[in-house]
Amino acid sequence: MHDVALHLRKAESLGEDLPIAITLGNDPVMTIAAGMPMGYDQSEYEMAGALRGAPSPVPGAWDVLQCGRCLYMWRTTEPARRTRRDAYPQEFRMTPADIDNAPEVPAIPPLETR
């Protein structure tokens, strides 16, 4: 199942927090596949492999960080400074120039060839 809203609704219905993890440097094709509309019986991994023309290079391809939890009822407990962009502190606001001048970091290191 690849719809986080379903997982969140289930956790909320049980009164539980939702365990989460964040990946860094993941394959851009996986990000594309994750955002594609598809049936719940379809695999994002298979879709990514079809787009790439090769299986996903999962082992060692990205770092996974185990984070805390998406807290139950976070939608009603988050202060406005975290959920409303107009309430962000000035030092966290970005301009188009900030984005244009941001460094570019490759998503994954080049694959080794032998």
PDB file of N, CA and C in Angstrom:
ATOM      1  N   MET A   1       0.845  -1.166   0.000  1.00  0.00           N
ATOM      2  CA  MET A   1       0.000   0.000   0.000  1.00  0.00           C
ATOM      3  C   MET A   1       0.896   1.236   0.000  1.00  0.00           C
ATOM      4  N   HIS A   2       0.616   2.181  -0.865  1.00  0.00           N
ATOM      5  CA  HIS A   2       1.520   3.308  -1.019  1.00  0.00           C
ATOM      6  C   HIS A   2       0.868   4.659  -0.780  1.00  0.00           C
ATOM      7  N   ASP A   3      -0.233   4.716  -0.112  1.00  0.00           N
ATOM      8  CA  ASP A   3      -0.909   5.973   0.162  1.00  0.00           C
ATOM      9  C   ASP A   3      -0.787   6.263   1.651  1.00  0.00           C
ATOM     10  N   VAL A   4       0.084   7.206   1.992  1.00  0.00           N
ATOM     11  CA  VAL A   4       0.340   7.477   3.406  1.00  0.00           C
ATOM     12  C   VAL A   4      -0.926   7.940   4.122  1.00  0.00           C
ATOM     13  N   ALA A   5      -1.855   8.549   3.402  1.00  0.00           N
ATOM     14  CA  ALA A   5      -3.098   8.989   4.039  1.00  0.00           C
ATOM     15  C   ALA A   5      -3.873   7.798   4.605  1.00  0.00           C
ATOM     16  N   LEU A   6      -3.835   6.659   3.910  1.00  0.00           N
ATOM     17  CA  LEU A   6      -4.514   5.464   4.431  1.00  0.00           C
ATOM     18  C   LEU A   6      -3.866   4.992   5.725  1.00  0.00           C
ATOM     19  N   HIS A   7      -2.544   4.994   5.746  1.00  0.00           N
ATOM     20  CA  HIS A   7      -1.828   4.578   6.954  1.00  0.00           C
ATOM     21  C   HIS A   7      -2.136   5.537   8.109  1.00  0.00           C
ATOM     22  N   LEU A   8      -2.134   6.844   7.799  1.00  0.00           N
ATOM     23  CA  LEU A   8      -2.399   7.833   8.838  1.00  0.00           C
ATOM     24  C   LEU A   8      -3.820   7.707   9.376  1.00  0.00           C
ATOM     25  N   ARG A   9      -4.789   7.535   8.480  1.00  0.00           N
ATOM     26  CA  ARG A   9      -6.181   7.373   8.929  1.00  0.00           C
ATOM     27  C   ARG A   9      -6.339   6.134   9.818  1.00  0.00           C
ATOM     28  N   LYS A  10      -5.665   5.050   9.440  1.00  0.00           N
ATOM     29  CA  LYS A  10      -5.769   3.827  10.244  1.00  0.00           C
ATOM     30  C   LYS A  10      -5.182   4.056  11.636  1.00  0.00           C
ATOM     31  N   ALA A  11      -3.993   4.684  11.684  1.00  0.00           N
ATOM     32  CA  ALA A  11      -3.371   4.959  12.980  1.00  0.00           C
ATOM     33  C   ALA A  11      -4.260   5.876  13.812  1.00  0.00           C
ATOM     34  N   GLU A  12      -4.821   6.900  13.181  1.00  0.00           N
ATOM     35  CA  GLU A  12      -5.697   7.817  13.911  1.00  0.00           C
ATOM     36  C   GLU A  12      -6.944   7.104  14.433  1.00  0.00           C
ATOM     37  N   SER A  13      -7.500   6.205  13.621  1.00  0.00           N
ATOM     38  CA  SER A  13      -8.711   5.494  14.056  1.00  0.00           C
ATOM     39  C   SER A  13      -8.431   4.591  15.252  1.00  0.00           C
ATOM     40  N   LEU A  14      -7.173   4.147  15.385  1.00  0.00           N
ATOM     41  CA  LEU A  14      -6.777   3.306  16.512  1.00  0.00           C
ATOM     42  C   LEU A  14      -6.252   4.129  17.685  1.00  0.00           C
ATOM     43  N   GLY A  15      -6.157   5.463  17.489  1.00  0.00           N
ATOM     44  CA  GLY A  15      -5.616   6.323  18.534  1.00  0.00           C
ATOM     45  C   GLY A  15      -4.127   6.146  18.718  1.00  0.00           C
ATOM     46  N   GLU A  16      -3.431   5.749  17.647  1.00  0.00           N
ATOM     47  CA  GLU A  16      -1.995   5.484  17.719  1.00  0.00           C
ATOM     48  C   GLU A  16      -1.221   6.500  16.890  1.00  0.00           C
ATOM     49  N   ASP A  17       0.072   6.631  17.201  1.00  0.00           N
ATOM     50  CA  ASP A  17       0.968   7.435  16.388  1.00  0.00           C
ATOM     51  C   ASP A  17       1.415   6.605  15.198  1.00  0.00           C
ATOM     52  N   LEU A  18       1.852   7.261  14.130  1.00  0.00           N
ATOM     53  CA  LEU A  18       2.295   6.570  12.924  1.00  0.00           C
ATOM     54  C   LEU A  18       3.819   6.581  12.865  1.00  0.00           C
ATOM     55  N   PRO A  19       4.490   5.414  12.945  1.00  0.00           N
ATOM     56  CA  PRO A  19       5.948   5.384  12.813  1.00  0.00           C
ATOM     57  C   PRO A  19       6.348   5.879  11.423  1.00  0.00           C
ATOM     58  N   ILE A  20       7.403   6.683  11.353  1.00  0.00           N
ATOM     59  CA  ILE A  20       7.849   7.203  10.059  1.00  0.00           C
ATOM     60  C   ILE A  20       9.355   7.047   9.916  1.00  0.00           C
ATOM     61  N   ALA A  21       9.807   7.075   8.679  1.00  0.00           N
ATOM     62  CA  ALA A  21      11.234   7.070   8.353  1.00  0.00           C
ATOM     63  C   ALA A  21      11.427   8.011   7.180  1.00  0.00           C
ATOM     64  N   ILE A  22      12.613   8.586   7.070  1.00  0.00           N
ATOM     65  CA  ILE A  22      12.936   9.502   5.983  1.00  0.00           C
ATOM     66  C   ILE A  22      14.123   8.931   5.229  1.00  0.00           C
ATOM     67  N   THR A  23      14.069   8.969   3.905  1.00  0.00           N
ATOM     68  CA  THR A  23      15.212   8.530   3.106  1.00  0.00           C
ATOM     69  C   THR A  23      15.914   9.751   2.542  1.00  0.00           C
ATOM     70  N   LEU A  24      17.232   9.689   2.509  1.00  0.00           N
ATOM     71  CA  LEU A  24      18.046  10.758   1.938  1.00  0.00           C
ATOM     72  C   LEU A  24      18.818  10.205   0.755  1.00  0.00           C
ATOM     73  N   GLY A  25      18.864  10.965  -0.312  1.00  0.00           N
ATOM     74  CA  GLY A  25      19.621  10.544  -1.481  1.00  0.00           C
ATOM     75  C   GLY A  25      18.965   9.420  -2.235  1.00  0.00           C
ATOM     76  N   ASN A  26      17.636   9.298  -2.109  1.00  0.00           N
ATOM     77  CA  ASN A  26      16.990   8.202  -2.813  1.00  0.00           C
ATOM     78  C   ASN A  26      16.948   8.458  -4.316  1.00  0.00           C
ATOM     79  N   ASP A  27      16.801   7.401  -5.043  1.00  0.00           N
ATOM     80  CA  ASP A  27      16.748   7.424  -6.496  1.00  0.00           C
ATOM     81  C   ASP A  27      15.596   8.318  -6.946  1.00  0.00           C
ATOM     82  N   PRO A  28      15.850   9.323  -7.795  1.00  0.00           N
ATOM     83  CA  PRO A  28      14.776  10.204  -8.253  1.00  0.00           C
ATOM     84  C   PRO A  28      13.625   9.449  -8.913  1.00  0.00           C
ATOM     85  N   VAL A  29      13.910   8.321  -9.539  1.00  0.00           N
ATOM     86  CA  VAL A  29      12.838   7.554 -10.177  1.00  0.00           C
ATOM     87  C   VAL A  29      11.872   7.017  -9.120  1.00  0.00           C
ATOM     88  N   MET A  30      12.380   6.678  -7.929  1.00  0.00           N
ATOM     89  CA  MET A  30      11.499   6.226  -6.853  1.00  0.00           C
ATOM     90  C   MET A  30      10.570   7.356  -6.410  1.00  0.00           C
ATOM     91  N   THR A  31      11.099   8.581  -6.356  1.00  0.00           N
ATOM     92  CA  THR A  31      10.271   9.723  -5.989  1.00  0.00           C
ATOM     93  C   THR A  31       9.171   9.936  -7.018  1.00  0.00           C
ATOM     94  N   ILE A  32       9.515   9.802  -8.286  1.00  0.00           N
ATOM     95  CA  ILE A  32       8.519   9.948  -9.356  1.00  0.00           C
ATOM     96  C   ILE A  32       7.450   8.866  -9.223  1.00  0.00           C
ATOM     97  N   ALA A  33       7.880   7.624  -9.040  1.00  0.00           N
ATOM     98  CA  ALA A  33       6.925   6.516  -8.921  1.00  0.00           C
ATOM     99  C   ALA A  33       6.035   6.690  -7.689  1.00  0.00           C
ATOM    100  N   ALA A  34       6.604   7.205  -6.600  1.00  0.00           N
ATOM    101  CA  ALA A  34       5.829   7.387  -5.371  1.00  0.00           C
ATOM    102  C   ALA A  34       4.711   8.406  -5.549  1.00  0.00           C
ATOM    103  N   GLY A  35       4.899   9.346  -6.453  1.00  0.00           N
ATOM    104  CA  GLY A  35       3.889  10.364  -6.677  1.00  0.00           C
ATOM    105  C   GLY A  35       2.909  10.047  -7.788  1.00  0.00           C
ATOM    106  N   MET A  36       3.066   8.891  -8.421  1.00  0.00           N
ATOM    107  CA  MET A  36       2.184   8.527  -9.534  1.00  0.00           C
ATOM    108  C   MET A  36       0.884   7.922  -9.018  1.00  0.00           C
ATOM    109  N   PRO A  37      -0.237   8.299  -9.634  1.00  0.00           N
ATOM    110  CA  PRO A  37      -1.481   7.643  -9.241  1.00  0.00           C
ATOM    111  C   PRO A  37      -1.508   6.221  -9.787  1.00  0.00           C
ATOM    112  N   MET A  38      -1.724   5.275  -8.915  1.00  0.00           N
ATOM    113  CA  MET A  38      -1.818   3.879  -9.348  1.00  0.00           C
ATOM    114  C   MET A  38      -2.678   3.117  -8.354  1.00  0.00           C
ATOM    115  N   GLY A  39      -3.104   1.953  -8.758  1.00  0.00           N
ATOM    116  CA  GLY A  39      -3.955   1.132  -7.908  1.00  0.00           C
ATOM    117  C   GLY A  39      -3.208   0.602  -6.702  1.00  0.00           C
ATOM    118  N   TYR A  40      -3.948   0.285  -5.644  1.00  0.00           N
ATOM    119  CA  TYR A  40      -3.323  -0.233  -4.432  1.00  0.00           C
ATOM    120  C   TYR A  40      -2.740  -1.623  -4.623  1.00  0.00           C
ATOM    121  N   ASP A  41      -3.099  -2.287  -5.700  1.00  0.00           N
ATOM    122  CA  ASP A  41      -2.524  -3.596  -5.985  1.00  0.00           C
ATOM    123  C   ASP A  41      -1.280  -3.478  -6.856  1.00  0.00           C
ATOM    124  N   GLN A  42      -0.883  -2.257  -7.199  1.00  0.00           N
ATOM    125  CA  GLN A  42       0.313  -2.046  -8.012  1.00  0.00           C
ATOM    126  C   GLN A  42       1.485  -1.663  -7.116  1.00  0.00           C
ATOM    127  N   SER A  43       2.694  -2.001  -7.566  1.00  0.00           N
ATOM    128  CA  SER A  43       3.900  -1.759  -6.784  1.00  0.00           C
ATOM    129  C   SER A  43       4.657  -0.540  -7.307  1.00  0.00           C
ATOM    130  N   GLU A  44       4.980   0.371  -6.400  1.00  0.00           N
ATOM    131  CA  GLU A  44       5.809   1.517  -6.779  1.00  0.00           C
ATOM    132  C   GLU A  44       7.190   1.050  -7.231  1.00  0.00           C
ATOM    133  N   TYR A  45       7.693  -0.009  -6.618  1.00  0.00           N
ATOM    134  CA  TYR A  45       9.012  -0.515  -6.976  1.00  0.00           C
ATOM    135  C   TYR A  45       9.018  -1.069  -8.396  1.00  0.00           C
ATOM    136  N   GLU A  46       7.972  -1.786  -8.750  1.00  0.00           N
ATOM    137  CA  GLU A  46       7.880  -2.302 -10.120  1.00  0.00           C
ATOM    138  C   GLU A  46       7.748  -1.159 -11.116  1.00  0.00           C
ATOM    139  N   MET A  47       6.967  -0.128 -10.761  1.00  0.00           N
ATOM    140  CA  MET A  47       6.812   1.027 -11.638  1.00  0.00           C
ATOM    141  C   MET A  47       8.145   1.744 -11.814  1.00  0.00           C
ATOM    142  N   ALA A  48       8.893   1.922 -10.734  1.00  0.00           N
ATOM    143  CA  ALA A  48      10.200   2.577 -10.825  1.00  0.00           C
ATOM    144  C   ALA A  48      11.137   1.765 -11.710  1.00  0.00           C
ATOM    145  N   GLY A  49      11.121   0.445 -11.555  1.00  0.00           N
ATOM    146  CA  GLY A  49      11.953  -0.408 -12.400  1.00  0.00           C
ATOM    147  C   GLY A  49      11.566  -0.302 -13.860  1.00  0.00           C
ATOM    148  N   ALA A  50      10.257  -0.218 -14.133  1.00  0.00           N
ATOM    149  CA  ALA A  50       9.804  -0.078 -15.520  1.00  0.00           C
ATOM    150  C   ALA A  50      10.247   1.262 -16.094  1.00  0.00           C
ATOM    151  N   LEU A  51      10.163   2.326 -15.300  1.00  0.00           N
ATOM    152  CA  LEU A  51      10.600   3.645 -15.770  1.00  0.00           C
ATOM    153  C   LEU A  51      12.101   3.674 -16.031  1.00  0.00           C
ATOM    154  N   ARG A  52      12.863   3.032 -15.159  1.00  0.00           N
ATOM    155  CA  ARG A  52      14.318   3.028 -15.272  1.00  0.00           C
ATOM    156  C   ARG A  52      14.803   2.022 -16.306  1.00  0.00           C
ATOM    157  N   GLY A  53      14.013   0.972 -16.497  1.00  0.00           N
ATOM    158  CA  GLY A  53      14.439  -0.090 -17.397  1.00  0.00           C
ATOM    159  C   GLY A  53      15.346  -1.093 -16.715  1.00  0.00           C
ATOM    160  N   ALA A  54      15.396  -1.048 -15.389  1.00  0.00           N
ATOM    161  CA  ALA A  54      16.227  -1.960 -14.597  1.00  0.00           C
ATOM    162  C   ALA A  54      15.666  -1.991 -13.175  1.00  0.00           C
ATOM    163  N   PRO A  55      15.959  -3.050 -12.423  1.00  0.00           N
ATOM    164  CA  PRO A  55      15.478  -3.104 -11.039  1.00  0.00           C
ATOM    165  C   PRO A  55      16.031  -1.953 -10.202  1.00  0.00           C
ATOM    166  N   SER A  56      15.348  -1.641  -9.127  1.00  0.00           N
ATOM    167  CA  SER A  56      15.789  -0.582  -8.225  1.00  0.00           C
ATOM    168  C   SER A  56      17.073  -1.000  -7.516  1.00  0.00           C
ATOM    169  N   PRO A  57      18.078  -0.117  -7.520  1.00  0.00           N
ATOM    170  CA  PRO A  57      19.342  -0.452  -6.832  1.00  0.00           C
ATOM    171  C   PRO A  57      19.223  -0.191  -5.335  1.00  0.00           C
ATOM    172  N   VAL A  58      18.397  -0.972  -4.666  1.00  0.00           N
ATOM    173  CA  VAL A  58      18.092  -0.707  -3.261  1.00  0.00           C
ATOM    174  C   VAL A  58      19.298  -0.843  -2.336  1.00  0.00           C
ATOM    175  N   PRO A  59      20.062  -1.956  -2.350  1.00  0.00           N
ATOM    176  CA  PRO A  59      21.124  -2.095  -1.354  1.00  0.00           C
ATOM    177  C   PRO A  59      22.153  -0.969  -1.441  1.00  0.00           C
ATOM    178  N   GLY A  60      22.270  -0.183  -0.374  1.00  0.00           N
ATOM    179  CA  GLY A  60      23.268   0.869  -0.296  1.00  0.00           C
ATOM    180  C   GLY A  60      22.994   2.078  -1.167  1.00  0.00           C
ATOM    181  N   ALA A  61      21.825   2.160  -1.778  1.00  0.00           N
ATOM    182  CA  ALA A  61      21.560   3.272  -2.688  1.00  0.00           C
ATOM    183  C   ALA A  61      21.165   4.543  -1.952  1.00  0.00           C
ATOM    184  N   TRP A  62      20.609   4.424  -0.758  1.00  0.00           N
ATOM    185  CA  TRP A  62      20.226   5.610  -0.006  1.00  0.00           C
ATOM    186  C   TRP A  62      20.294   5.327   1.476  1.00  0.00           C
ATOM    187  N   ASP A  63      20.273   6.386   2.251  1.00  0.00           N
ATOM    188  CA  ASP A  63      20.274   6.272   3.704  1.00  0.00           C
ATOM    189  C   ASP A  63      18.841   6.366   4.202  1.00  0.00           C
ATOM    190  N   VAL A  64      18.508   5.550   5.169  1.00  0.00           N
ATOM    191  CA  VAL A  64      17.182   5.606   5.784  1.00  0.00           C
ATOM    192  C   VAL A  64      17.367   6.056   7.224  1.00  0.00           C
ATOM    193  N   LEU A  65      16.670   7.102   7.599  1.00  0.00           N
ATOM    194  CA  LEU A  65      16.737   7.610   8.958  1.00  0.00           C
ATOM    195  C   LEU A  65      15.446   7.251   9.674  1.00  0.00           C
ATOM    196  N   GLN A  66      15.572   6.551  10.774  1.00  0.00           N
ATOM    197  CA  GLN A  66      14.381   6.239  11.567  1.00  0.00           C
ATOM    198  C   GLN A  66      14.048   7.474  12.380  1.00  0.00           C
ATOM    199  N   CYS A  67      12.897   8.006  12.161  1.00  0.00           N
ATOM    200  CA  CYS A  67      12.471   9.222  12.854  1.00  0.00           C
ATOM    201  C   CYS A  67      11.528   8.849  13.978  1.00  0.00           C
ATOM    202  N   GLY A  68      11.024   9.845  14.579  1.00  0.00           N
ATOM    203  CA  GLY A  68      10.065   9.612  15.646  1.00  0.00           C
ATOM    204  C   GLY A  68       8.762   9.082  15.085  1.00  0.00           C
ATOM    205  N   ARG A  69       7.720   9.781  15.346  1.00  0.00           N
ATOM    206  CA  ARG A  69       6.399   9.346  14.900  1.00  0.00           C
ATOM    207  C   ARG A  69       5.601  10.558  14.462  1.00  0.00           C
ATOM    208  N   CYS A  70       4.714  10.319  13.531  1.00  0.00           N
ATOM    209  CA  CYS A  70       3.738  11.327  13.154  1.00  0.00           C
ATOM    210  C   CYS A  70       2.669  11.242  14.235  1.00  0.00           C
ATOM    211  N   LEU A  71       2.638  12.214  15.105  1.00  0.00           N
ATOM    212  CA  LEU A  71       1.806  12.112  16.294  1.00  0.00           C
ATOM    213  C   LEU A  71       0.321  12.106  15.971  1.00  0.00           C
ATOM    214  N   TYR A  72      -0.371  11.260  16.680  1.00  0.00           N
ATOM    215  CA  TYR A  72      -1.823  11.186  16.556  1.00  0.00           C
ATOM    216  C   TYR A  72      -2.407  12.574  16.817  1.00  0.00           C
ATOM    217  N   MET A  73      -3.316  12.982  15.960  1.00  0.00           N
ATOM    218  CA  MET A  73      -3.985  14.283  16.046  1.00  0.00           C
ATOM    219  C   MET A  73      -3.032  15.454  15.829  1.00  0.00           C
ATOM    220  N   TRP A  74      -1.948  15.256  15.100  1.00  0.00           N
ATOM    221  CA  TRP A  74      -1.007  16.347  14.835  1.00  0.00           C
ATOM    222  C   TRP A  74      -1.676  17.505  14.117  1.00  0.00           C
ATOM    223  N   ARG A  75      -2.719  17.241  13.361  1.00  0.00           N
ATOM    224  CA  ARG A  75      -3.359  18.304  12.586  1.00  0.00           C
ATOM    225  C   ARG A  75      -3.984  19.369  13.476  1.00  0.00           C
ATOM    226  N   THR A  76      -4.363  19.001  14.682  1.00  0.00           N
ATOM    227  CA  THR A  76      -5.010  19.971  15.553  1.00  0.00           C
ATOM    228  C   THR A  76      -4.091  20.475  16.655  1.00  0.00           C
ATOM    229  N   THR A  77      -2.907  19.892  16.805  1.00  0.00           N
ATOM    230  CA  THR A  77      -2.025  20.298  17.890  1.00  0.00           C
ATOM    231  C   THR A  77      -0.818  21.093  17.427  1.00  0.00           C
ATOM    232  N   GLU A  78      -0.539  21.123  16.123  1.00  0.00           N
ATOM    233  CA  GLU A  78       0.608  21.876  15.631  1.00  0.00           C
ATOM    234  C   GLU A  78       0.330  23.371  15.732  1.00  0.00           C
ATOM    235  N   PRO A  79       1.283  24.145  16.265  1.00  0.00           N
ATOM    236  CA  PRO A  79       1.073  25.592  16.308  1.00  0.00           C
ATOM    237  C   PRO A  79       1.114  26.184  14.897  1.00  0.00           C
ATOM    238  N   ALA A  80       0.480  27.326  14.722  1.00  0.00           N
ATOM    239  CA  ALA A  80       0.399  27.966  13.404  1.00  0.00           C
ATOM    240  C   ALA A  80       1.781  28.230  12.821  1.00  0.00           C
ATOM    241  N   ARG A  81       2.782  28.523  13.666  1.00  0.00           N
ATOM    242  CA  ARG A  81       4.117  28.835  13.136  1.00  0.00           C
ATOM    243  C   ARG A  81       4.732  27.649  12.391  1.00  0.00           C
ATOM    244  N   ARG A  82       4.185  26.441  12.588  1.00  0.00           N
ATOM    245  CA  ARG A  82       4.702  25.272  11.891  1.00  0.00           C
ATOM    246  C   ARG A  82       3.844  24.861  10.704  1.00  0.00           C
ATOM    247  N   THR A  83       2.605  25.265  10.680  1.00  0.00           N
ATOM    248  CA  THR A  83       1.707  24.780   9.639  1.00  0.00           C
ATOM    249  C   THR A  83       1.262  25.847   8.656  1.00  0.00           C
ATOM    250  N   ARG A  84       1.442  27.120   8.985  1.00  0.00           N
ATOM    251  CA  ARG A  84       1.039  28.194   8.073  1.00  0.00           C
ATOM    252  C   ARG A  84       2.280  28.916   7.587  1.00  0.00           C
ATOM    253  N   ARG A  85       2.494  28.923   6.263  1.00  0.00           N
ATOM    254  CA  ARG A  85       3.701  29.554   5.724  1.00  0.00           C
ATOM    255  C   ARG A  85       3.803  31.024   6.094  1.00  0.00           C
ATOM    256  N   ASP A  86       2.681  31.730   6.144  1.00  0.00           N
ATOM    257  CA  ASP A  86       2.741  33.154   6.478  1.00  0.00           C
ATOM    258  C   ASP A  86       3.126  33.390   7.940  1.00  0.00           C
ATOM    259  N   ALA A  87       3.101  32.358   8.761  1.00  0.00           N
ATOM    260  CA  ALA A  87       3.484  32.483  10.165  1.00  0.00           C
ATOM    261  C   ALA A  87       4.915  32.015  10.424  1.00  0.00           C
ATOM    262  N   TYR A  88       5.638  31.556   9.385  1.00  0.00           N
ATOM    263  CA  TYR A  88       7.027  31.119   9.561  1.00  0.00           C
ATOM    264  C   TYR A  88       7.876  32.298  10.032  1.00  0.00           C
ATOM    265  N   PRO A  89       8.862  32.062  10.887  1.00  0.00           N
ATOM    266  CA  PRO A  89       9.805  33.121  11.233  1.00  0.00           C
ATOM    267  C   PRO A  89      10.530  33.598   9.967  1.00  0.00           C
ATOM    268  N   GLN A  90      10.894  34.857   9.940  1.00  0.00           N
ATOM    269  CA  GLN A  90      11.513  35.451   8.754  1.00  0.00           C
ATOM    270  C   GLN A  90      12.751  34.676   8.302  1.00  0.00           C
ATOM    271  N   GLU A  91      13.562  34.184   9.247  1.00  0.00           N
ATOM    272  CA  GLU A  91      14.801  33.494   8.866  1.00  0.00           C
ATOM    273  C   GLU A  91      14.546  32.181   8.134  1.00  0.00           C
ATOM    274  N   PHE A  92      13.324  31.659   8.174  1.00  0.00           N
ATOM    275  CA  PHE A  92      13.006  30.424   7.468  1.00  0.00           C
ATOM    276  C   PHE A  92      12.323  30.655   6.128  1.00  0.00           C
ATOM    277  N   ARG A  93      12.034  31.894   5.803  1.00  0.00           N
ATOM    278  CA  ARG A  93      11.355  32.183   4.541  1.00  0.00           C
ATOM    279  C   ARG A  93      12.368  32.234   3.411  1.00  0.00           C
ATOM    280  N   MET A  94      12.000  31.688   2.265  1.00  0.00           N
ATOM    281  CA  MET A  94      12.894  31.668   1.101  1.00  0.00           C
ATOM    282  C   MET A  94      12.296  32.495  -0.021  1.00  0.00           C
ATOM    283  N   THR A  95      13.182  33.152  -0.747  1.00  0.00           N
ATOM    284  CA  THR A  95      12.770  33.917  -1.915  1.00  0.00           C
ATOM    285  C   THR A  95      13.118  33.105  -3.155  1.00  0.00           C
ATOM    286  N   PRO A  96      12.582  33.466  -4.318  1.00  0.00           N
ATOM    287  CA  PRO A  96      12.996  32.779  -5.545  1.00  0.00           C
ATOM    288  C   PRO A  96      14.508  32.840  -5.756  1.00  0.00           C
ATOM    289  N   ALA A  97      15.143  33.952  -5.377  1.00  0.00           N
ATOM    290  CA  ALA A  97      16.601  34.060  -5.520  1.00  0.00           C
ATOM    291  C   ALA A  97      17.309  33.048  -4.625  1.00  0.00           C
ATOM    292  N   ASP A  98      16.799  32.838  -3.402  1.00  0.00           N
ATOM    293  CA  ASP A  98      17.393  31.838  -2.509  1.00  0.00           C
ATOM    294  C   ASP A  98      17.359  30.459  -3.150  1.00  0.00           C
ATOM    295  N   ILE A  99      16.251  30.141  -3.776  1.00  0.00           N
ATOM    296  CA  ILE A  99      16.107  28.834  -4.418  1.00  0.00           C
ATOM    297  C   ILE A  99      17.036  28.729  -5.618  1.00  0.00           C
ATOM    298  N   ASP A 100      17.111  29.797  -6.434  1.00  0.00           N
ATOM    299  CA  ASP A 100      18.004  29.789  -7.597  1.00  0.00           C
ATOM    300  C   ASP A 100      19.462  29.620  -7.191  1.00  0.00           C
ATOM    301  N   ASN A 101      19.844  30.168  -6.043  1.00  0.00           N
ATOM    302  CA  ASN A 101      21.241  30.131  -5.602  1.00  0.00           C
ATOM    303  C   ASN A 101      21.560  28.954  -4.685  1.00  0.00           C
ATOM    304  N   ALA A 102      20.593  28.090  -4.433  1.00  0.00           N
ATOM    305  CA  ALA A 102      20.824  26.934  -3.562  1.00  0.00           C
ATOM    306  C   ALA A 102      21.768  25.946  -4.248  1.00  0.00           C
ATOM    307  N   PRO A 103      22.644  25.305  -3.475  1.00  0.00           N
ATOM    308  CA  PRO A 103      23.548  24.321  -4.091  1.00  0.00           C
ATOM    309  C   PRO A 103      22.773  23.113  -4.596  1.00  0.00           C
ATOM    310  N   GLU A 104      23.261  22.522  -5.655  1.00  0.00           N
ATOM    311  CA  GLU A 104      22.650  21.311  -6.192  1.00  0.00           C
ATOM    312  C   GLU A 104      23.466  20.113  -5.741  1.00  0.00           C
ATOM    313  N   VAL A 105      22.790  19.152  -5.161  1.00  0.00           N
ATOM    314  CA  VAL A 105      23.437  17.942  -4.669  1.00  0.00           C
ATOM    315  C   VAL A 105      22.823  16.766  -5.410  1.00  0.00           C
ATOM    316  N   PRO A 106      23.656  15.903  -6.018  1.00  0.00           N
ATOM    317  CA  PRO A 106      23.076  14.757  -6.730  1.00  0.00           C
ATOM    318  C   PRO A 106      22.272  13.872  -5.782  1.00  0.00           C
ATOM    319  N   ALA A 107      21.189  13.320  -6.296  1.00  0.00           N
ATOM    320  CA  ALA A 107      20.307  12.502  -5.467  1.00  0.00           C
ATOM    321  C   ALA A 107      20.970  11.207  -5.011  1.00  0.00           C
ATOM    322  N   ILE A 108      21.705  10.565  -5.890  1.00  0.00           N
ATOM    323  CA  ILE A 108      22.404   9.335  -5.530  1.00  0.00           C
ATOM    324  C   ILE A 108      23.794   9.388  -6.136  1.00  0.00           C
ATOM    325  N   PRO A 109      24.750   8.719  -5.518  1.00  0.00           N
ATOM    326  CA  PRO A 109      26.081   8.688  -6.118  1.00  0.00           C
ATOM    327  C   PRO A 109      26.046   7.879  -7.410  1.00  0.00           C
ATOM    328  N   PRO A 110      26.999   8.140  -8.304  1.00  0.00           N
ATOM    329  CA  PRO A 110      27.032   7.353  -9.543  1.00  0.00           C
ATOM    330  C   PRO A 110      27.190   5.865  -9.230  1.00  0.00           C
ATOM    331  N   LEU A 111      26.544   5.037 -10.013  1.00  0.00           N
ATOM    332  CA  LEU A 111      26.685   3.595  -9.829  1.00  0.00           C
ATOM    333  C   LEU A 111      28.090   3.170 -10.234  1.00  0.00           C
ATOM    334  N   GLU A 112      28.664   2.270  -9.457  1.00  0.00           N
ATOM    335  CA  GLU A 112      29.999   1.777  -9.779  1.00  0.00           C
ATOM    336  C   GLU A 112      29.921   0.809 -10.949  1.00  0.00           C
ATOM    337  N   THR A 113      30.875   0.924 -11.838  1.00  0.00           N
ATOM    338  CA  THR A 113      30.967  -0.026 -12.952  1.00  0.00           C
ATOM    339  C   THR A 113      32.290  -0.749 -12.842  1.00  0.00           C
ATOM    340  N   ARG A 114      32.291  -1.970 -13.256  1.00  0.00           N
ATOM    341  CA  ARG A 114      33.537  -2.764 -13.171  1.00  0.00           C
ATOM    342  C   ARG A 114      33.904  -3.271 -14.528  1.00  0.00           C
TER     343      ARG A 114
END
